[in-house]
């Protein structure tokens, strides 16, 4: 069986929010296919649904309708707990306001995530080096987030 060429596939995504008596339709039937290795940028005015779409793809939120699969796993079928575990193991986020522990250097912030995922100490140092190198931060391993 051939491997699914899509890293992310969203089909028919709908998401609505209530504000008092008013319902806001943020996403209505959104389809999205992102191939492995492809780079995608989301653009749009404030309130157009960019963050909502990312929260659905990342399993932070669940759609009102439609489905999202990441690496061939339909995350819409997962419980909230299983989505959290899937996200912890397979998805990374870089927020505009980054969520790093300010008293830990860059390498130790990465180590913390590896510890949460039960990566043995013997493998953690190598993995930290690989990850920081992959994002161009190998030379910043010992610096702190506020520097």
Protein backbone atom coordinates (compact mmCIF):
# COMPACT_ATOMS: atom_id res chain seq x y z
CA UNK A 1 0.00 0.00 0.00
CA UNK A 2 1.36 3.44 -0.97
CA UNK A 3 2.03 6.01 1.74
CA UNK A 4 -0.42 8.92 1.86
CA UNK A 5 1.38 11.85 0.15
CA UNK A 6 -0.42 14.34 2.38
CA UNK A 7 0.99 15.41 5.72
CA UNK A 8 -2.22 17.29 6.49
CA UNK A 9 -5.65 16.84 4.97
CA UNK A 10 -8.72 18.82 6.04
CA UNK A 11 -12.08 18.09 4.47
CA UNK A 12 -15.29 20.06 4.87
CA UNK A 13 -14.15 21.88 8.01
CA UNK A 14 -16.80 24.00 9.68
CA UNK A 15 -16.43 25.98 12.87
CA UNK A 16 -18.95 28.33 14.43
CA UNK A 17 -18.87 30.38 17.60
CA UNK A 18 -21.74 31.84 19.61
CA UNK A 19 -21.59 35.35 20.96
CA UNK A 20 -24.78 36.03 22.86
CA UNK A 21 -27.66 35.33 20.49
CA UNK A 22 -25.47 35.68 17.42
CA UNK A 23 -23.67 32.83 15.67
CA UNK A 24 -20.40 33.56 13.84
CA UNK A 25 -19.46 31.18 11.05
CA UNK A 26 -15.68 31.28 10.97
CA UNK A 27 -14.99 28.32 8.69
CA UNK A 28 -17.55 26.88 6.31
CA UNK A 29 -16.62 23.80 4.29
CA UNK A 30 -12.86 24.35 4.15
CA UNK A 31 -10.79 21.76 2.27
CA UNK A 32 -7.00 21.77 2.51
CA UNK A 33 -4.32 19.33 1.39
CA UNK A 34 -0.69 19.88 2.35
CA UNK A 35 1.85 17.45 0.91
CA UNK A 36 4.82 16.17 2.86
CA UNK A 37 7.65 18.70 2.61
CA UNK A 38 5.40 21.45 1.28
CA UNK A 39 5.52 24.92 2.83
CA UNK A 40 2.24 26.79 3.20
CA UNK A 41 1.49 30.31 4.41
CA UNK A 42 -1.92 31.42 5.66
CA UNK A 43 -2.87 35.01 4.96
CA UNK A 44 -5.99 36.95 5.72
CA UNK A 45 -7.43 39.81 7.65
CA UNK A 46 -7.98 39.64 11.38
CA UNK A 47 -10.92 37.38 12.19
CA UNK A 48 -10.82 35.50 8.88
CA UNK A 49 -10.24 32.10 10.52
CA UNK A 50 -6.47 31.56 10.26
CA UNK A 51 -5.96 30.77 13.95
CA UNK A 52 -9.16 28.72 14.06
CA UNK A 53 -7.91 26.60 11.14
CA UNK A 54 -4.53 26.08 12.82
CA UNK A 55 -6.22 25.13 16.11
CA UNK A 56 -8.29 22.51 14.26
CA UNK A 57 -5.28 21.13 12.38
CA UNK A 58 -3.30 21.02 15.63
CA UNK A 59 -6.07 19.22 17.50
CA UNK A 60 -6.41 22.04 20.02
CA UNK A 61 -10.03 22.43 19.03
CA UNK A 62 -12.56 20.14 17.33
CA UNK A 63 -14.55 21.13 14.25
CA UNK A 64 -18.33 21.36 14.23
CA UNK A 65 -18.23 19.36 10.98
CA UNK A 66 -15.58 17.89 8.72
CA UNK A 67 -12.38 16.03 9.41
CA UNK A 68 -8.67 16.60 9.86
CA UNK A 69 -5.98 14.00 9.34
CA UNK A 70 -2.35 14.51 10.23
CA UNK A 71 0.22 12.01 8.97
CA UNK A 72 -2.63 9.68 8.02
CA UNK A 73 -4.29 9.79 11.46
CA UNK A 74 -7.83 11.18 11.61
CA UNK A 75 -7.50 13.36 14.68
CA UNK A 76 -11.19 14.31 14.62
CA UNK A 77 -12.01 10.79 15.78
CA UNK A 78 -9.70 11.06 18.79
CA UNK A 79 -10.84 11.98 22.29
CA UNK A 80 -9.58 15.27 23.70
CA UNK A 81 -7.01 13.36 25.77
CA UNK A 82 -5.81 11.36 22.76
CA UNK A 83 -5.60 14.54 20.67
CA UNK A 84 -3.44 16.07 23.41
CA UNK A 85 -1.12 13.05 23.41
CA UNK A 86 -0.99 13.00 19.61
CA UNK A 87 -0.17 16.72 19.56
CA UNK A 88 2.54 16.28 22.18
CA UNK A 89 4.22 13.54 20.15
CA UNK A 90 3.68 14.73 16.57
CA UNK A 91 2.89 18.44 16.30
CA UNK A 92 4.90 21.51 17.16
CA UNK A 93 3.74 25.10 17.45
CA UNK A 94 5.65 28.34 17.32
CA UNK A 95 3.42 31.05 18.73
CA UNK A 96 3.74 34.77 18.13
CA UNK A 97 4.13 35.11 21.89
CA UNK A 98 6.42 32.15 22.44
CA UNK A 99 5.76 29.89 25.40
CA UNK A 100 9.24 29.16 26.69
CA UNK A 101 10.39 28.85 30.28
CA UNK A 102 12.46 32.03 30.73
CA UNK A 103 14.76 30.51 33.38
CA UNK A 104 15.79 27.65 31.04
CA UNK A 105 18.15 28.04 28.12
CA UNK A 106 17.07 27.01 24.61
CA UNK A 107 18.45 23.46 24.93
CA UNK A 108 16.76 22.92 28.29
CA UNK A 109 13.42 24.19 26.94
CA UNK A 110 13.67 21.49 24.25
CA UNK A 111 14.81 18.94 26.85
CA UNK A 112 11.67 19.65 28.88
CA UNK A 113 9.46 18.63 25.93
CA UNK A 114 11.54 15.48 25.40
CA UNK A 115 11.16 14.58 29.08
CA UNK A 116 7.37 14.98 28.80
CA UNK A 117 7.55 12.49 25.92
CA UNK A 118 9.63 10.03 27.96
CA UNK A 119 12.72 10.28 25.75
CA UNK A 120 15.59 8.66 27.68
CA UNK A 121 18.36 11.00 28.83
CA UNK A 122 20.87 9.04 26.74
CA UNK A 123 18.98 10.00 23.56
CA UNK A 124 17.87 13.48 24.61
CA UNK A 125 21.18 15.31 24.05
CA UNK A 126 21.55 13.93 20.54
CA UNK A 127 17.92 14.71 19.74
CA UNK A 128 18.27 18.28 21.09
CA UNK A 129 21.27 18.83 18.81
CA UNK A 130 19.34 17.45 15.82
CA UNK A 131 16.25 19.54 16.49
CA UNK A 132 18.11 22.79 17.08
CA UNK A 133 20.22 22.22 13.98
CA UNK A 134 17.08 21.56 11.91
CA UNK A 135 15.66 24.99 12.79
CA UNK A 136 18.95 26.89 12.63
CA UNK A 137 19.33 27.40 16.37
CA UNK A 138 22.27 25.08 17.14
CA UNK A 139 24.46 28.10 17.95
CA UNK A 140 21.86 29.41 20.43
CA UNK A 141 21.53 26.25 22.58
CA UNK A 142 22.97 27.89 25.69
CA UNK A 143 21.18 31.24 25.38
CA UNK A 144 18.02 32.19 27.24
CA UNK A 145 14.72 33.14 25.56
CA UNK A 146 14.88 36.81 26.55
CA UNK A 147 18.35 37.35 25.04
